[in-house]
Protein backbone atom coordinates (compact mmCIF):
# COMPACT_ATOMS: atom_id res chain seq x y z
CA MET A 1 3.42 7.59 19.59
CA GLU A 2 5.10 4.65 21.37
CA PRO A 3 6.59 1.89 19.16
CA SER A 4 4.14 -0.68 20.60
CA GLU A 5 1.20 1.56 19.73
CA ILE A 6 2.52 2.07 16.21
CA ILE A 7 2.87 -1.73 15.75
CA LYS A 8 -0.73 -2.27 16.94
CA LYS A 9 -2.11 0.43 14.66
CA VAL A 10 -0.12 -0.81 11.65
CA ARG A 11 -1.49 -4.32 12.27
CA ARG A 12 -5.10 -3.08 12.60
CA ILE A 13 -4.84 -1.08 9.35
CA GLU A 14 -3.10 -3.97 7.59
CA ILE A 15 -5.86 -6.46 8.53
CA LYS A 16 -8.67 -4.10 7.51
CA THR A 17 -7.20 -2.68 4.31
CA LYS A 18 -5.54 -5.87 3.09
CA GLY A 19 -8.87 -7.65 3.40
CA LEU A 20 -10.71 -4.95 1.50
CA SER A 21 -8.10 -4.86 -1.28
CA ARG A 22 -8.12 -8.67 -1.62
CA HIS A 23 -11.86 -9.28 -1.53
CA ILE A 24 -13.34 -6.09 -2.99
CA PHE A 25 -10.87 -3.91 -4.82
CA SER A 26 -8.29 -6.18 -6.40
CA GLY A 27 -10.20 -7.20 -9.54
CA HIS A 28 -11.63 -3.73 -10.11
CA TYR A 29 -8.19 -2.20 -9.58
CA HIS A 30 -6.73 -4.59 -12.21
CA SER A 31 -9.38 -3.55 -14.75
CA ALA A 32 -9.41 0.16 -13.90
CA PHE A 33 -5.65 0.70 -14.05
CA LYS A 34 -4.10 -0.84 -17.09
CA GLY A 35 -0.48 -1.70 -17.75
CA ARG A 36 1.89 0.00 -20.19
CA GLY A 37 0.47 -1.67 -23.29
CA MET A 38 0.53 -4.98 -25.09
CA ALA A 39 3.57 -7.27 -25.30
CA PHE A 40 4.12 -10.09 -27.82
CA SER A 41 3.42 -13.51 -26.31
CA GLU A 42 3.24 -16.22 -28.98
CA VAL A 43 1.89 -17.19 -32.41
CA ARG A 44 -0.96 -19.53 -33.32
CA GLU A 45 -2.72 -20.55 -36.48
CA TYR A 46 -5.14 -18.08 -38.00
CA GLN A 47 -8.83 -18.74 -37.25
CA TYR A 48 -11.86 -17.38 -39.05
CA GLY A 49 -12.77 -13.95 -37.62
CA ASP A 50 -9.27 -13.09 -36.39
CA ASP A 51 -7.92 -9.60 -37.18
CA ILE A 52 -5.75 -10.00 -40.22
CA ARG A 53 -3.66 -7.01 -39.11
CA ASN A 54 -2.08 -9.34 -36.53
CA ILE A 55 -0.88 -11.92 -39.02
CA ASP A 56 2.80 -12.75 -38.61
CA TRP A 57 3.92 -12.76 -42.24
CA ASN A 58 7.38 -14.25 -41.55
CA VAL A 59 5.96 -17.32 -39.80
CA THR A 60 3.18 -17.58 -42.36
CA ALA A 61 5.71 -17.68 -45.22
CA ARG A 62 7.82 -20.30 -43.41
CA PHE A 63 4.94 -22.72 -42.87
CA ASN A 64 2.83 -21.77 -45.86
CA THR A 65 -0.22 -21.28 -43.68
CA PRO A 66 -1.43 -18.08 -41.92
CA TYR A 67 -0.22 -17.56 -38.35
CA LEU A 68 -1.33 -14.83 -35.95
CA LYS A 69 0.65 -12.86 -33.39
CA ILE A 70 -0.83 -13.12 -29.83
CA PHE A 71 -0.32 -10.21 -27.51
CA GLU A 72 -0.82 -10.02 -23.72
CA GLU A 73 -1.29 -7.00 -21.56
CA GLU A 74 2.00 -5.77 -20.10
CA ARG A 75 0.48 -5.64 -16.62
CA GLU A 76 3.20 -4.21 -14.38
CA LEU A 77 2.46 -0.66 -13.26
CA MET A 78 4.28 1.87 -11.18
CA VAL A 79 1.96 3.50 -8.64
CA MET A 80 2.80 6.69 -6.81
CA LEU A 81 0.86 7.93 -3.76
CA LEU A 82 1.08 11.68 -3.19
CA ILE A 83 -0.04 12.16 0.41
CA ASP A 84 -0.94 15.61 1.75
CA VAL A 85 0.47 15.84 5.31
CA SER A 86 -0.32 19.51 5.86
CA GLY A 87 -1.93 20.91 8.98
CA SER A 88 -5.50 21.15 7.57
CA ASN A 89 -5.79 17.37 7.61
CA GLU A 90 -5.61 17.31 11.40
CA PHE A 91 -9.35 17.91 11.50
CA GLY A 92 -12.45 15.74 11.79
CA THR A 93 -15.80 15.78 13.49
CA LYS A 94 -17.19 12.37 12.54
CA GLY A 95 -15.09 9.85 14.41
CA ALA A 96 -11.84 10.28 12.44
CA PHE A 97 -9.46 12.98 11.29
CA LYS A 98 -8.97 13.49 7.59
CA GLU A 99 -5.38 12.31 7.91
CA GLU A 100 -6.54 8.99 9.46
CA LEU A 101 -8.94 8.41 6.59
CA MET A 102 -6.19 9.25 4.09
CA THR A 103 -3.94 6.64 5.74
CA GLU A 104 -6.57 3.91 5.25
CA ILE A 105 -7.26 4.88 1.66
CA ALA A 106 -3.53 4.91 0.84
CA ALA A 107 -3.14 1.50 2.48
CA VAL A 108 -6.01 0.02 0.44
CA LEU A 109 -4.51 1.38 -2.80
CA ALA A 110 -1.06 0.14 -1.87
CA PHE A 111 -2.24 -3.38 -1.08
CA SER A 112 -4.33 -3.50 -4.26
CA ALA A 113 -1.25 -2.53 -6.21
CA ILE A 114 0.99 -5.07 -4.56
CA GLN A 115 -1.54 -7.86 -5.18
CA ASN A 116 -1.31 -6.99 -8.89
CA ASN A 117 2.49 -7.12 -8.76
CA ASP A 118 2.86 -3.36 -9.17
CA LYS A 119 5.54 -1.15 -7.65
CA VAL A 120 4.40 1.45 -5.12
CA GLY A 121 6.11 4.66 -4.05
CA VAL A 122 5.13 7.60 -1.84
CA ILE A 123 5.59 11.36 -1.80
CA PHE A 124 4.69 13.04 1.47
CA PHE A 125 4.16 16.74 0.95
CA SER A 126 3.17 19.92 2.82
CA ASP A 127 4.38 23.16 1.30
CA LYS A 128 7.56 21.24 0.53
CA ILE A 129 8.51 17.60 -0.20
CA GLU A 130 8.67 16.09 3.29
CA LYS A 131 9.67 12.56 2.29
CA PHE A 132 10.11 10.52 -0.89
CA ILE A 133 9.90 6.67 -0.77
CA PRO A 134 11.00 5.28 -4.17
CA PRO A 135 8.67 2.69 -5.74
CA LYS A 136 9.28 -0.96 -4.84
CA LYS A 137 7.37 -4.24 -4.64
CA GLY A 138 6.56 -6.40 -1.69
CA SER A 139 4.46 -6.56 1.48
CA SER A 140 7.32 -5.42 3.73
CA HIS A 141 7.61 -2.26 1.61
CA ILE A 142 3.91 -1.63 2.00
CA LEU A 143 4.09 -2.05 5.79
CA ARG A 144 6.96 0.47 5.85
CA ILE A 145 4.71 2.95 3.97
CA ILE A 146 1.83 2.38 6.48
CA ARG A 147 4.18 2.89 9.43
CA GLU A 148 5.31 6.17 7.89
CA LEU A 149 1.71 7.22 7.30
CA ILE A 150 0.79 6.58 10.86
CA ASP A 151 3.76 8.14 12.64
CA PHE A 152 5.03 10.73 10.12
CA LYS A 153 5.60 14.22 11.60
CA PRO A 154 5.86 16.94 8.89
CA GLU A 155 8.24 19.77 9.37
CA SER A 156 5.80 22.25 7.86
CA GLN A 157 2.05 22.85 8.18
CA GLY A 158 1.41 24.54 4.80
CA THR A 159 0.23 23.11 1.47
CA ASP A 160 1.79 23.30 -1.98
CA ILE A 161 0.18 20.80 -4.34
CA SER A 162 1.97 22.37 -7.31
CA GLY A 163 5.35 21.57 -5.74
CA ALA A 164 4.38 17.93 -5.13
CA LEU A 165 3.23 17.55 -8.79
CA ARG A 166 6.43 19.16 -10.12
CA PHE A 167 8.46 16.73 -7.98
CA LEU A 168 6.48 13.83 -9.37
CA THR A 169 7.06 15.02 -12.95
CA ASN A 170 10.81 15.43 -12.39
CA ALA A 171 11.47 12.38 -10.17
CA ILE A 172 9.45 9.71 -11.96
CA LYS A 173 10.65 9.43 -15.55
CA LYS A 174 8.44 6.53 -16.72
CA ARG A 175 4.72 6.93 -16.97
CA CYS A 176 2.97 5.89 -13.75
CA THR A 177 -0.42 5.95 -12.10
CA ALA A 178 -0.40 8.64 -9.41
CA PHE A 179 -3.03 9.05 -6.69
CA ILE A 180 -3.07 12.52 -5.09
CA ILE A 181 -4.78 12.21 -1.72
CA SER A 182 -5.59 15.61 -0.23
CA ASP A 183 -8.36 17.89 1.04
CA PHE A 184 -7.37 20.23 -1.84
CA ILE A 185 -7.81 23.43 0.19
CA ASP A 186 -5.00 24.83 -2.02
CA HIS A 187 -6.41 25.47 -5.51
CA THR A 188 -3.48 27.12 -7.25
CA PHE A 189 -2.13 23.97 -8.86
CA GLU A 190 -3.81 23.96 -12.28
CA PRO A 191 -0.71 24.64 -14.42
CA ALA A 192 1.27 21.92 -12.57
CA ILE A 193 -1.49 19.28 -12.80
CA LYS A 194 -1.90 19.91 -16.52
CA ILE A 195 1.85 19.24 -17.06
CA ALA A 196 1.83 16.19 -14.78
CA SER A 197 -1.30 14.67 -16.45
CA GLY A 198 0.44 14.92 -19.82
CA LYS A 199 3.09 12.52 -18.50
CA HIS A 200 1.27 10.37 -15.93
CA ASP A 201 -2.19 8.91 -15.28
CA LEU A 202 -3.42 11.12 -12.42
CA VAL A 203 -6.25 10.33 -9.98
CA ALA A 204 -7.34 12.81 -7.33
CA ILE A 205 -8.91 11.56 -4.12
CA ARG A 206 -10.41 14.47 -2.23
CA VAL A 207 -11.07 14.01 1.48
CA TYR A 208 -13.05 16.53 3.52
CA ASP A 209 -15.19 16.76 6.65
CA GLN A 210 -18.86 17.69 6.46
CA ARG A 211 -18.36 20.43 9.07
CA GLU A 212 -16.09 22.26 6.61
CA THR A 213 -19.01 22.89 4.24
CA GLU A 214 -20.93 25.28 6.56
CA LEU A 215 -20.73 27.11 9.86
CA PRO A 216 -22.99 26.02 12.73
CA PRO A 217 -25.06 28.83 14.31
CA VAL A 218 -23.40 28.70 17.79
CA GLY A 219 -22.54 32.39 18.33
CA MET A 220 -19.03 33.82 18.55
CA ILE A 221 -16.37 31.20 17.75
CA GLU A 222 -12.63 31.43 17.41
CA VAL A 223 -11.45 29.92 14.09
CA PHE A 224 -7.87 28.71 13.91
CA ASP A 225 -6.09 28.07 10.61
CA LYS A 226 -3.64 25.24 11.36
CA GLU A 227 -1.59 26.03 8.27
CA SER A 228 -1.15 29.82 8.55
CA LYS A 229 -1.49 29.87 12.39
CA ALA A 230 -4.00 32.68 11.98
CA LYS A 231 -6.83 33.13 14.50
CA VAL A 232 -10.02 35.04 13.91
CA TRP A 233 -13.27 35.48 15.78
CA VAL A 234 -16.44 34.81 13.73
CA ASP A 235 -20.08 35.56 14.63
CA SER A 236 -21.65 32.32 13.47
CA SER A 237 -25.08 33.45 14.73
CA SER A 238 -25.13 35.91 11.76
CA SER A 239 -27.00 34.39 8.80
CA LYS A 240 -25.01 36.67 6.48
CA VAL A 241 -21.72 35.29 7.77
CA ARG A 242 -22.98 31.68 7.38
CA ASP A 243 -24.31 32.40 3.88
CA ASN A 244 -20.96 33.98 2.84
CA TYR A 245 -19.04 30.96 4.13
CA ARG A 246 -21.44 28.54 2.37
CA LEU A 247 -20.99 30.55 -0.86
CA TRP A 248 -17.18 30.48 -0.44
CA TRP A 249 -17.25 26.71 -0.05
CA LYS A 250 -19.49 26.22 -3.09
CA ASN A 251 -17.18 28.44 -5.20
CA HIS A 252 -14.16 26.54 -3.90
CA GLU A 253 -15.73 23.19 -4.89
CA MET A 254 -16.55 24.50 -8.36
CA THR A 255 -12.96 25.75 -8.78
CA ILE A 256 -11.48 22.38 -7.79
CA GLU A 257 -13.89 20.40 -9.97
CA GLY A 258 -13.07 22.69 -12.92
CA ILE A 259 -9.30 22.14 -12.49
CA PHE A 260 -9.78 18.35 -12.48
CA ARG A 261 -12.11 18.39 -15.50
CA ARG A 262 -9.82 20.65 -17.61
CA SER A 263 -6.73 18.56 -16.75
CA GLY A 264 -8.49 15.24 -17.42
CA THR A 265 -7.94 14.05 -13.86
CA ASP A 266 -10.26 11.34 -12.49
CA THR A 267 -11.69 12.18 -9.09
CA GLY A 268 -13.06 10.40 -6.03
CA ILE A 269 -14.70 12.34 -3.18
CA ILE A 270 -14.67 10.87 0.30
CA VAL A 271 -16.18 12.43 3.46
CA THR A 272 -14.98 11.63 7.04
CA GLY A 273 -17.45 9.48 8.95
CA GLN A 274 -18.74 7.81 5.76
CA ASP A 275 -17.82 4.46 4.20
CA TYR A 276 -14.95 5.03 1.71
CA VAL A 277 -15.56 1.70 -0.07
CA LYS A 278 -18.43 2.96 -2.21
CA PRO A 279 -16.68 6.11 -3.53
CA LEU A 280 -13.56 4.09 -4.40
CA MET A 281 -15.64 1.41 -6.12
CA LYS A 282 -17.48 4.08 -8.07
CA LEU A 283 -14.14 5.60 -9.17
CA PHE A 284 -12.80 2.19 -10.25
CA THR A 285 -16.03 1.32 -12.08
CA GLN A 286 -16.08 4.57 -14.01
CA ARG A 287 -12.53 3.91 -15.21
CA GLU A 288 -13.38 0.31 -16.14
CA LEU A 289 -16.30 1.48 -18.29
CA ARG A 290 -13.98 3.81 -20.24
CA GLN A 291 -11.35 1.13 -21.01
């Protein structure tokens, strides 16, 4: 892609996603993703109904009247975006490839984080760690991330979610909120996500295309696996073939959902060609209700 095209695309995504994060997501993001805890702010005189466990006994003794410790939320978060850049995301039948949708979702999350004064970092992964951008603050940092998302060319086409999660666990020492944005075709990552979720607050955003859920009855078709480079001819006119594929997809979905449930990972599901605002709002709202 030419530099001028990249600049135009960055600007378009910035305008769209920055507006969404400012007007729709920002408040919900703040409520859904809490800071590291409560930090002491000040003291004030005790009032009827206050929790006596927060009385500051040193100040109380000094002034001979009860004083209360006031705490404020320690808001600053570290947010990591784990972006799947494997070959299977170069697919889409509803106006956009999965990778394009992932770019917009990542941009919305990044702008929401920056507006809440959080640091944002990125891990691009295929079947290896393709690129690591350490967490920082600031709009210029976010625009760099978006440029990378638009123009990044991975060296590999495969997928290894376990490797990305292990890298996150080892590279980020402090607890962070980590969004894993992937189509989750790979489902061998349960041990790694259980370890990572014990250290970090994990959120999985699964992106897929509706055409991936079933085969159309169009006769003999050549199916190409972008990741393994394998090609195979399939008779899609056969109801048995279509039923077997539909059953495989259903089992795959149940496997992925089970991994997320057992690891305590919150999940958002987004389909290409559909509005991603509602699924993200639903995810944020579910987390708000649990706070």
